[in-house]
Amino acid sequence: MIEKHAERLLALARRHGATDAEVSVETRRAALTRFANSEIHQSVAEDTVRVNLRYVHGRRHGMAATGRLDDAALESLVERAAASARGTAETDDWPGLPEPGPIPEVTGASAAATRAATPELRAGVVREVIAAADAAGVGAFGSFATGAVTTAVLSSRGVRAAQTRSDAWLVTVHMSPDGGTGYAETCAVDVADVDGAALGREAAAKARAGDHAVALAPGEYPVVLEEYAVVDLLAKLGRCGFNARAAQEGQSCAEPGVRIASDLVTVWDDGTDPAGLPTAFDYEGVGKQRVTLIDRGRCAGLVHDTRTAAGAGIHSTGHALPAPNPVGPLPTNMFMAPGGFSREELLGRLDRGLLVTRFYYTNPVDPKRGIVTGVTRDGLFLVEGGEIVGPVRDLRFSQSYLDVLRGVSAVGNSRRTLRGWYGGVSVLGDITVPAVLSDSFRFSG
């Protein structure tokens, strides 16, 4: 259905005088159930559409967007995009719109159960979370979202790409009356893979274990980073490091061929892997390529969109974001190779260190060196002799995430798929990671 609207918009743009045009149409059906103080208090749903038009006239190009599909809205969209193009100077390095190319066949991107998920289904999962909190004597807070996104990208060059994706995303924070907090999260294509009871128990146990936290002196500690923390490492480095635009502008913390992590770290991006939230193409309609980002500690590659690829003299790897895009291409389906250690074995290698559940409010302050500032949250524990001895209060840090990866001395043998947050970028991304042990993490207080 949305392809018909896109074809109509392309025809309108050509009749208006565009020498080239690209249309992306994305429809989203999303529903959300929120809970607080161990009670469900809100269930909402929305159907939205976003239409982007890139209008090209010679070496001038402009764009406009709308949230409607009626004739008047599409005609206005063309006029605004044309005016945007007329108001820009000719661009010498404009590579043009991408030519059509192969799009990989992707399986497991959408599940009927997720697309059809009802408020009652979500409420049932949330009640499992709340039951686990009640059993531990803590309060449950969070949300459970289900939805589906259909994306179509068409261009006057012959690009024709369309796909539907679904995702279910459950996040909960449990709060103890004695001060402890616990966090748990999961995301999946199929809502049937979301285990509310298991997540509830995880968050509740962490909250209770965090009661009566004590202050710990700032300093440098070896750390076991749980998967929630490792996701933040890779997401920030994905934006600051493996983004070809950042590299071409001299702002990247990564350079192909240079050692940036320990030999135990291998990271790649693969939109076709059904272990994550798969997608076949990017927002330019270019098929996704698997890109190795770190190969046994060495930076192996960067992700590209059409513009950065032209600057490098190569083809796009299929990592463009929706236009206008001030960020550049991003790896939005990242994976880290597992290792050989259980969680208990990772902790057992700590003589005296910290177990970190997750990071919060993190922001890059020196992208070139991969330095990020933030704070720990929802579970920070002192470990001595390989055993957790008690909770400690959250600590702030300004730490090079590259140095953390260089210090990795052991990697967990299981992985979790979680949502990826890239900082101000609204994309459906996922990161699949294990826990890791890093020999040094500096906390400032």
Protein backbone atom coordinates (compact mmCIF):
# COMPACT_ATOMS: atom_id res chain seq x y z
CA MET A 1 0.00 0.00 0.00
CA ILE A 2 2.67 2.52 0.97
CA GLU A 3 4.59 1.70 -2.21
CA LYS A 4 1.66 3.11 -4.22
CA HIS A 5 1.88 6.40 -2.32
CA ALA A 6 5.63 6.48 -2.90
CA GLU A 7 5.22 5.86 -6.63
CA ARG A 8 2.65 8.65 -6.82
CA LEU A 9 4.98 11.03 -5.01
CA LEU A 10 7.87 10.16 -7.34
CA ALA A 11 5.68 10.95 -10.35
CA LEU A 12 4.64 14.27 -8.80
CA ALA A 13 8.27 15.23 -8.22
CA ARG A 14 9.26 14.40 -11.79
CA ARG A 15 6.34 16.40 -13.18
CA HIS A 16 7.41 19.29 -10.97
CA GLY A 17 10.86 19.31 -12.60
CA ALA A 18 13.03 17.06 -10.45
CA THR A 19 15.87 15.43 -12.35
CA ASP A 20 16.00 12.77 -9.64
CA ALA A 21 13.95 12.00 -6.55
CA GLU A 22 13.93 9.58 -3.67
CA VAL A 23 10.96 8.78 -1.46
CA SER A 24 10.93 6.91 1.83
CA VAL A 25 7.63 6.12 3.51
CA GLU A 26 7.52 4.59 6.96
CA THR A 27 4.35 3.58 8.78
CA ARG A 28 4.48 2.60 12.42
CA ARG A 29 1.84 0.88 14.53
CA ALA A 30 2.95 1.02 18.15
CA ALA A 31 1.32 0.21 21.45
CA LEU A 32 2.60 0.69 24.98
CA THR A 33 1.60 -0.48 28.44
CA ARG A 34 3.11 1.44 31.35
CA PHE A 35 3.27 0.40 34.99
CA ALA A 36 4.37 2.13 38.21
CA ASN A 37 4.23 1.23 41.88
CA SER A 38 3.40 -2.32 40.76
CA GLU A 39 0.21 -1.23 39.01
CA ILE A 40 -0.63 -0.86 35.33
CA HIS A 41 -1.67 2.75 34.83
CA GLN A 42 -1.69 3.37 31.09
CA SER A 43 -2.20 1.60 27.77
CA VAL A 44 -1.82 3.65 24.60
CA ALA A 45 -1.55 3.00 20.87
CA GLU A 46 -0.70 5.07 17.82
CA ASP A 47 -0.54 4.77 14.06
CA THR A 48 1.91 7.17 12.45
CA VAL A 49 3.36 7.77 9.03
CA ARG A 50 6.43 9.70 7.93
CA VAL A 51 7.15 10.55 4.31
CA ASN A 52 10.56 11.90 3.27
CA LEU A 53 11.25 13.31 -0.19
CA ARG A 54 14.72 14.06 -1.52
CA TYR A 55 14.30 16.33 -4.52
CA VAL A 56 17.25 16.67 -6.89
CA HIS A 57 17.64 19.26 -9.62
CA GLY A 58 21.04 19.02 -11.24
CA ARG A 59 23.60 19.43 -8.47
CA ARG A 60 21.12 21.02 -6.13
CA HIS A 61 19.12 18.92 -3.74
CA GLY A 62 16.65 19.56 -0.98
CA MET A 63 14.27 17.62 1.17
CA ALA A 64 11.02 17.88 3.03
CA ALA A 65 8.88 15.61 5.19
CA THR A 66 5.26 15.17 6.12
CA GLY A 67 3.13 12.98 8.34
CA ARG A 68 0.21 12.70 5.89
CA LEU A 69 -0.55 10.78 2.70
CA ASP A 70 -3.46 12.75 1.20
CA ASP A 71 -3.10 14.48 -2.16
CA ALA A 72 -2.82 17.99 -0.73
CA ALA A 73 -0.07 16.92 1.68
CA LEU A 74 1.96 15.17 -1.03
CA GLU A 75 1.66 18.13 -3.43
CA SER A 76 2.76 20.48 -0.66
CA LEU A 77 5.65 18.14 0.13
CA VAL A 78 6.91 18.33 -3.45
CA GLU A 79 6.66 22.12 -3.49
CA ARG A 80 8.56 22.44 -0.22
CA ALA A 81 11.28 20.01 -1.28
CA ALA A 82 11.67 21.82 -4.61
CA ALA A 83 11.93 25.16 -2.83
CA SER A 84 14.55 23.67 -0.52
CA ALA A 85 16.57 22.54 -3.53
CA ARG A 86 16.29 25.92 -5.25
CA GLY A 87 17.52 27.61 -2.09
CA THR A 88 20.75 25.62 -1.91
CA ALA A 89 24.00 26.13 -3.74
CA GLU A 90 25.25 23.55 -6.22
CA THR A 91 27.13 20.81 -4.40
CA ASP A 92 30.41 19.79 -5.96
CA ASP A 93 30.74 16.60 -3.94
CA TRP A 94 27.12 15.47 -4.34
CA PRO A 95 27.40 11.80 -5.35
CA GLY A 96 23.82 11.54 -6.57
CA LEU A 97 21.23 9.06 -5.47
CA PRO A 98 22.34 5.43 -5.22
CA GLU A 99 21.75 3.02 -8.06
CA PRO A 100 19.64 -0.07 -7.38
CA GLY A 101 21.60 -3.05 -6.12
CA PRO A 102 21.11 -6.44 -4.52
CA ILE A 103 19.08 -6.56 -1.31
CA PRO A 104 19.72 -9.59 0.88
CA GLU A 105 16.89 -11.95 1.71
CA VAL A 106 16.10 -11.59 5.39
CA THR A 107 14.10 -14.04 7.48
CA GLY A 108 12.58 -13.55 10.89
CA ALA A 109 12.14 -9.78 10.71
CA SER A 110 8.46 -9.77 11.64
CA ALA A 111 6.18 -11.93 13.80
CA ALA A 112 2.41 -12.11 13.46
CA ALA A 113 1.98 -12.43 17.24
CA THR A 114 3.79 -9.14 17.79
CA ARG A 115 1.85 -7.31 15.11
CA ALA A 116 -1.40 -8.56 16.66
CA ALA A 117 -0.42 -8.04 20.31
CA THR A 118 -3.32 -6.74 22.40
CA PRO A 119 -3.41 -4.65 25.59
CA GLU A 120 -4.50 -7.83 27.38
CA LEU A 121 -1.43 -9.72 26.16
CA ARG A 122 0.91 -6.97 27.29
CA ALA A 123 -0.89 -6.68 30.62
CA GLY A 124 -0.43 -10.41 31.19
CA VAL A 125 3.34 -10.14 30.70
CA VAL A 126 3.49 -7.06 32.92
CA ARG A 127 1.58 -8.88 35.66
CA GLU A 128 4.32 -11.53 35.63
CA VAL A 129 6.88 -8.77 36.19
CA ILE A 130 4.81 -7.32 39.03
CA ALA A 131 4.30 -10.73 40.64
CA ALA A 132 8.07 -11.21 40.86
CA ALA A 133 8.39 -7.76 42.44
CA ASP A 134 5.64 -8.49 44.95
CA ALA A 135 7.31 -11.74 45.95
CA ALA A 136 10.50 -9.85 46.77
CA GLY A 137 8.76 -6.98 48.51
CA VAL A 138 9.83 -4.36 45.98
CA GLY A 139 7.97 -2.05 43.61
CA ALA A 140 7.90 -2.52 39.83
CA PHE A 141 8.09 0.31 37.31
CA GLY A 142 8.50 0.22 33.55
CA SER A 143 6.89 -0.27 30.18
CA PHE A 144 6.16 -2.94 27.61
CA ALA A 145 5.96 -1.84 23.97
CA THR A 146 4.97 -3.85 20.92
CA GLY A 147 4.80 -2.65 17.35
CA ALA A 148 5.52 -3.02 13.68
CA VAL A 149 7.22 -0.73 11.18
CA THR A 150 6.78 -0.96 7.41
CA THR A 151 9.38 0.91 5.38
CA ALA A 152 9.48 1.50 1.64
CA VAL A 153 12.23 3.32 -0.27
CA LEU A 154 11.77 4.13 -3.96
CA SER A 155 13.74 6.36 -6.28
CA SER A 156 13.77 7.58 -9.85
CA ARG A 157 16.99 5.57 -10.29
CA GLY A 158 15.01 2.35 -9.95
CA VAL A 159 15.48 1.57 -6.25
CA ARG A 160 12.51 -0.43 -4.97
CA ALA A 161 12.77 -1.77 -1.41
CA ALA A 162 10.09 -2.59 1.15
CA GLN A 163 10.00 -4.50 4.40
CA THR A 164 7.95 -4.94 7.59
CA ARG A 165 9.68 -5.38 10.94
CA SER A 166 8.23 -6.02 14.37
CA ASP A 167 9.62 -5.69 17.87
CA ALA A 168 8.58 -6.22 21.47
CA TRP A 169 10.50 -4.31 24.13
CA LEU A 170 10.13 -4.75 27.89
CA VAL A 171 11.99 -2.56 30.39
CA THR A 172 11.57 -2.65 34.15
CA VAL A 173 13.17 -1.02 37.18
CA HIS A 174 12.41 -2.48 40.60
CA MET A 175 12.79 -0.32 43.69
CA SER A 176 13.26 -1.59 47.21
CA PRO A 177 11.99 0.36 50.24
CA ASP A 178 15.52 0.02 51.61
CA GLY A 179 17.12 1.87 48.70
CA GLY A 180 18.12 -0.80 46.22
CA THR A 181 17.17 -0.64 42.55
CA GLY A 182 17.33 -3.32 39.90
CA TYR A 183 17.10 -3.14 36.11
CA ALA A 184 16.13 -5.68 33.47
CA GLU A 185 15.39 -5.35 29.76
CA THR A 186 14.82 -7.46 26.69
CA CYS A 187 13.76 -6.99 23.09
CA ALA A 188 12.70 -9.50 20.47
CA VAL A 189 11.03 -9.76 17.10
CA ASP A 190 8.43 -12.15 18.53
CA VAL A 191 6.48 -11.11 21.60
CA ALA A 192 6.32 -14.79 22.58
CA ASP A 193 10.05 -14.63 23.33
CA VAL A 194 9.58 -12.03 26.08
CA ASP A 195 9.66 -13.72 29.49
CA GLY A 196 8.14 -11.27 31.97
CA ALA A 197 8.57 -13.56 34.95
CA ALA A 198 12.29 -14.04 34.32
CA LEU A 199 12.91 -10.33 33.86
CA GLY A 200 10.88 -9.57 36.97
CA ARG A 201 12.95 -11.97 39.04
CA GLU A 202 16.18 -10.54 37.67
CA ALA A 203 15.25 -6.96 38.50
CA ALA A 204 13.81 -7.87 41.91
CA ALA A 205 16.91 -9.81 42.96
CA LYS A 206 19.16 -6.95 41.91
CA ALA A 207 17.03 -4.44 43.82
CA ARG A 208 17.14 -6.47 47.02
CA ALA A 209 20.87 -7.07 46.65
CA GLY A 210 21.32 -3.30 46.35
CA ASP A 211 19.80 -2.45 49.74
CA HIS A 212 21.84 -0.27 52.12
CA ALA A 213 24.57 0.63 49.61
CA VAL A 214 27.72 2.19 51.05
CA ALA A 215 30.09 4.79 49.66
CA LEU A 216 33.24 3.63 47.89
CA ALA A 217 36.28 5.77 47.24
CA PRO A 218 36.72 6.89 43.62
CA GLY A 219 39.58 5.27 41.79
CA GLU A 220 40.58 2.68 39.26
CA TYR A 221 38.98 -0.75 39.56
CA PRO A 222 38.75 -3.90 37.48
CA VAL A 223 35.11 -4.38 36.48
CA VAL A 224 32.70 -6.99 35.27
CA LEU A 225 30.33 -5.16 32.95
CA GLU A 226 26.96 -6.80 32.48
CA GLU A 227 25.40 -6.80 29.03
CA TYR A 228 23.45 -3.58 29.67
CA ALA A 229 26.73 -1.72 30.22
CA VAL A 230 28.47 -3.34 27.25
CA VAL A 231 25.62 -2.18 24.98
CA ASP A 232 26.41 1.40 25.92
CA LEU A 233 30.09 0.87 25.10
CA LEU A 234 29.33 -0.34 21.59
CA ALA A 235 26.55 2.15 20.88
CA LYS A 236 28.74 5.13 21.74
CA LEU A 237 31.70 3.77 19.79
CA GLY A 238 29.39 2.99 16.90
CA ARG A 239 28.46 6.65 16.68
CA CYS A 240 31.88 8.15 17.45
CA GLY A 241 34.13 5.53 15.90
CA PHE A 242 32.73 3.24 13.22
CA ASN A 243 30.79 6.03 11.52
CA ALA A 244 32.58 6.83 8.24
CA ARG A 245 31.45 10.45 8.34
CA ALA A 246 33.16 10.96 11.70
CA ALA A 247 36.30 9.36 10.25
CA GLN A 248 36.29 11.55 7.14
CA GLU A 249 35.85 14.65 9.29
CA GLY A 250 38.77 13.66 11.51
CA GLN A 251 36.55 13.04 14.54
CA SER A 252 36.59 9.24 14.71
CA CYS A 253 38.22 7.27 17.52
CA ALA A 254 38.71 4.33 15.15
CA GLU A 255 41.07 3.79 12.24
CA PRO A 256 41.13 0.60 10.17
CA GLY A 257 44.18 -1.50 10.93
CA VAL A 258 44.88 0.11 14.30
CA ARG A 259 44.59 -1.87 17.53
CA ILE A 260 41.75 -0.44 19.60
CA ALA A 261 40.78 -3.39 21.84
CA SER A 262 42.10 -6.60 23.31
CA ASP A 263 42.51 -9.73 21.19
CA LEU A 264 39.34 -11.09 22.80
CA VAL A 265 37.11 -8.43 21.23
CA THR A 266 35.51 -9.01 17.83
CA VAL A 267 32.55 -6.85 16.80
CA TRP A 268 30.56 -6.69 13.58
CA ASP A 269 27.36 -5.24 12.17
CA ASP A 270 24.93 -7.53 10.35
CA GLY A 271 21.38 -6.48 9.57
CA THR A 272 20.55 -9.89 8.13
CA ASP A 273 21.19 -11.94 11.29
CA PRO A 274 17.89 -13.19 12.77
CA ALA A 275 19.50 -13.28 16.22
CA GLY A 276 18.91 -9.53 16.36
CA LEU A 277 16.17 -7.33 14.89
CA PRO A 278 16.97 -7.95 11.23
CA THR A 279 16.54 -5.52 8.38
CA ALA A 280 17.41 -5.90 4.72
CA PHE A 281 18.19 -2.31 3.64
CA ASP A 282 18.87 1.21 4.85
CA TYR A 283 16.98 4.49 4.38
CA GLU A 284 18.44 4.94 0.89
CA GLY A 285 17.18 1.51 -0.18
CA VAL A 286 20.70 0.08 -0.22
CA GLY A 287 21.05 -3.55 0.85
CA LYS A 288 22.72 -4.21 4.17
CA GLN A 289 26.23 -5.63 4.15
CA ARG A 290 27.90 -7.40 7.04
CA VAL A 291 30.77 -5.17 8.18
CA THR A 292 33.47 -6.35 10.58
CA LEU A 293 34.23 -3.42 12.88
CA ILE A 294 36.78 -4.96 15.25
CA ASP A 295 38.65 -8.14 14.37
CA ARG A 296 40.44 -9.63 17.39
CA GLY A 297 41.22 -6.19 18.73
CA ARG A 298 42.03 -4.35 15.51
CA CYS A 299 39.72 -1.88 13.84
CA ALA A 300 38.67 -3.62 10.65
CA GLY A 301 36.15 -1.35 8.97
CA LEU A 302 33.60 1.44 9.05
CA VAL A 303 29.99 1.66 7.94
CA HIS A 304 29.05 3.89 5.00
CA ASP A 305 26.12 5.59 3.37
CA THR A 306 26.18 6.74 -0.26
CA ARG A 307 27.87 10.05 0.47
CA THR A 308 30.70 8.74 2.65
CA ALA A 309 31.21 5.78 0.32
CA ALA A 310 31.68 8.13 -2.63
CA GLY A 311 34.30 10.01 -0.64
CA ALA A 312 36.12 6.75 0.03
CA GLY A 313 35.77 5.48 -3.53
CA ILE A 314 33.72 2.43 -2.52
CA HIS A 315 30.09 1.32 -2.45
CA SER A 316 27.72 2.07 0.41
CA THR A 317 27.52 -0.67 3.04
CA GLY A 318 23.81 0.05 3.57
CA HIS A 319 23.92 2.11 6.76
CA ALA A 320 22.22 5.38 5.83
CA LEU A 321 19.85 6.99 8.34
CA PRO A 322 16.70 8.95 7.44
CA ALA A 323 17.43 12.27 5.73
CA PRO A 324 18.22 14.92 6.78
CA ASN A 325 20.96 13.18 8.67
CA PRO A 326 23.57 15.31 10.48
CA VAL A 327 25.12 12.26 12.14
CA GLY A 328 26.29 10.08 9.27
CA PRO A 329 25.97 6.31 8.82
CA LEU A 330 25.61 4.14 11.92
CA PRO A 331 25.98 0.43 12.70
CA THR A 332 22.49 -0.33 14.00
CA ASN A 333 22.66 -4.16 14.15
CA MET A 334 25.82 -4.80 16.13
CA PHE A 335 27.13 -8.10 17.49
CA MET A 336 30.04 -8.95 19.77
CA ALA A 337 31.56 -12.43 19.74
CA PRO A 338 31.03 -14.44 22.93
CA GLY A 339 33.87 -15.90 24.98
CA GLY A 340 34.23 -18.91 27.25
CA PHE A 341 33.29 -17.70 30.74
CA SER A 342 30.08 -17.90 32.74
CA ARG A 343 28.98 -14.92 34.81
CA GLU A 344 30.24 -16.66 37.96
CA GLU A 345 33.61 -17.31 36.34
CA LEU A 346 33.94 -13.67 35.30
CA LEU A 347 33.28 -12.59 38.88
CA GLY A 348 35.64 -15.29 40.14
CA ARG A 349 38.54 -13.58 38.35
CA LEU A 350 38.09 -10.40 40.42
CA ASP A 351 40.29 -10.18 43.52
CA ARG A 352 38.81 -6.78 44.29
CA GLY A 353 36.67 -4.97 41.80
CA LEU A 354 33.16 -3.95 40.82
CA LEU A 355 30.17 -5.55 39.14
CA VAL A 356 28.42 -2.90 37.01
CA THR A 357 24.83 -3.44 35.90
CA ARG A 358 24.50 -0.52 33.49
CA PHE A 359 25.51 3.03 32.67
CA TYR A 360 23.16 5.98 32.61
CA TYR A 361 23.11 9.50 31.14
CA THR A 362 26.24 8.85 29.12
CA ASN A 363 27.54 11.41 26.65
CA PRO A 364 30.73 11.56 24.56
CA VAL A 365 33.00 14.42 25.65
CA ASP A 366 36.03 13.57 23.50
CA PRO A 367 34.92 11.50 20.49
CA LYS A 368 38.44 11.34 19.08
CA ARG A 369 39.64 9.40 22.13
CA GLY A 370 36.34 7.67 22.82
CA ILE A 371 35.94 9.40 26.19
CA VAL A 372 32.42 9.22 27.60
CA THR A 373 31.02 10.70 30.79
CA GLY A 374 28.20 9.13 32.76
CA VAL A 375 27.17 7.35 35.94
CA THR A 376 26.49 3.78 37.02
CA ARG A 377 22.89 2.87 37.84
CA ASP A 378 20.59 0.15 39.18
CA GLY A 379 23.16 -2.14 40.69
CA LEU A 380 26.82 -1.51 41.53
CA PHE A 381 28.50 -4.13 43.73
CA LEU A 382 31.88 -4.61 45.37
CA VAL A 383 33.48 -7.97 44.59
CA GLU A 384 36.29 -9.44 46.72
CA GLY A 385 37.87 -12.84 46.26
CA GLY A 386 35.48 -13.57 43.41
CA GLU A 387 32.39 -13.06 45.57
CA ILE A 388 29.92 -10.16 45.77
CA VAL A 389 30.35 -8.67 49.25
CA GLY A 390 27.83 -5.84 49.07
CA PRO A 391 26.31 -2.92 47.18
CA VAL A 392 28.02 0.43 46.75
CA ARG A 393 26.61 3.80 45.80
CA ASP A 394 26.67 4.85 42.17
CA LEU A 395 29.87 6.38 40.84
CA ARG A 396 30.46 8.93 38.11
CA PHE A 397 33.10 8.55 35.43
CA SER A 398 34.80 10.17 32.47
CA GLN A 399 36.40 7.18 30.85
CA SER A 400 37.75 6.20 27.45
CA TYR A 401 35.55 3.37 26.24
CA LEU A 402 38.41 2.33 23.97
CA ASP A 403 40.64 1.85 27.04
CA VAL A 404 37.91 -0.32 28.57
CA LEU A 405 37.91 -2.55 25.48
CA ARG A 406 41.72 -2.65 25.48
CA GLY A 407 41.55 -3.95 29.04
CA VAL A 408 39.14 -6.80 28.32
CA SER A 409 40.69 -9.99 29.77
CA ALA A 410 37.66 -12.30 29.70
CA VAL A 411 34.36 -12.45 27.80
CA GLY A 412 31.09 -14.09 28.79
CA ASN A 413 29.81 -17.20 27.02
CA SER A 414 26.20 -16.06 26.61
CA ARG A 415 24.73 -13.00 24.91
CA ARG A 416 21.65 -10.81 25.13
CA THR A 417 19.98 -8.78 22.41
CA LEU A 418 19.06 -5.29 23.62
CA ARG A 419 17.97 -2.02 22.11
CA GLY A 420 20.81 0.23 21.02
CA TRP A 421 20.78 3.92 21.97
CA TYR A 422 23.01 6.09 19.81
CA GLY A 423 22.32 9.52 21.30
CA GLY A 424 19.70 11.73 19.66
CA VAL A 425 19.11 9.29 16.79
CA SER A 426 15.63 7.81 16.45
CA VAL A 427 16.24 4.47 14.77
CA LEU A 428 15.19 0.91 15.53
CA GLY A 429 18.58 -0.54 16.42
CA ASP A 430 19.77 -3.55 18.37
CA ILE A 431 23.02 -4.76 19.88
CA THR A 432 23.78 -8.39 20.84
CA VAL A 433 26.52 -8.66 23.45
CA PRO A 434 28.06 -10.79 26.22
CA ALA A 435 29.24 -9.55 29.61
CA VAL A 436 32.95 -8.75 29.86
CA LEU A 437 35.71 -8.41 32.43
CA SER A 438 37.93 -5.36 31.93
CA ASP A 439 41.05 -4.87 34.03
CA SER A 440 40.69 -1.14 34.51
CA PHE A 441 37.86 1.39 34.80
CA ARG A 442 38.44 4.78 36.41
CA PHE A 443 35.63 6.26 38.52
CA SER A 444 35.65 9.89 39.60
CA GLY A 445 33.16 9.89 42.46
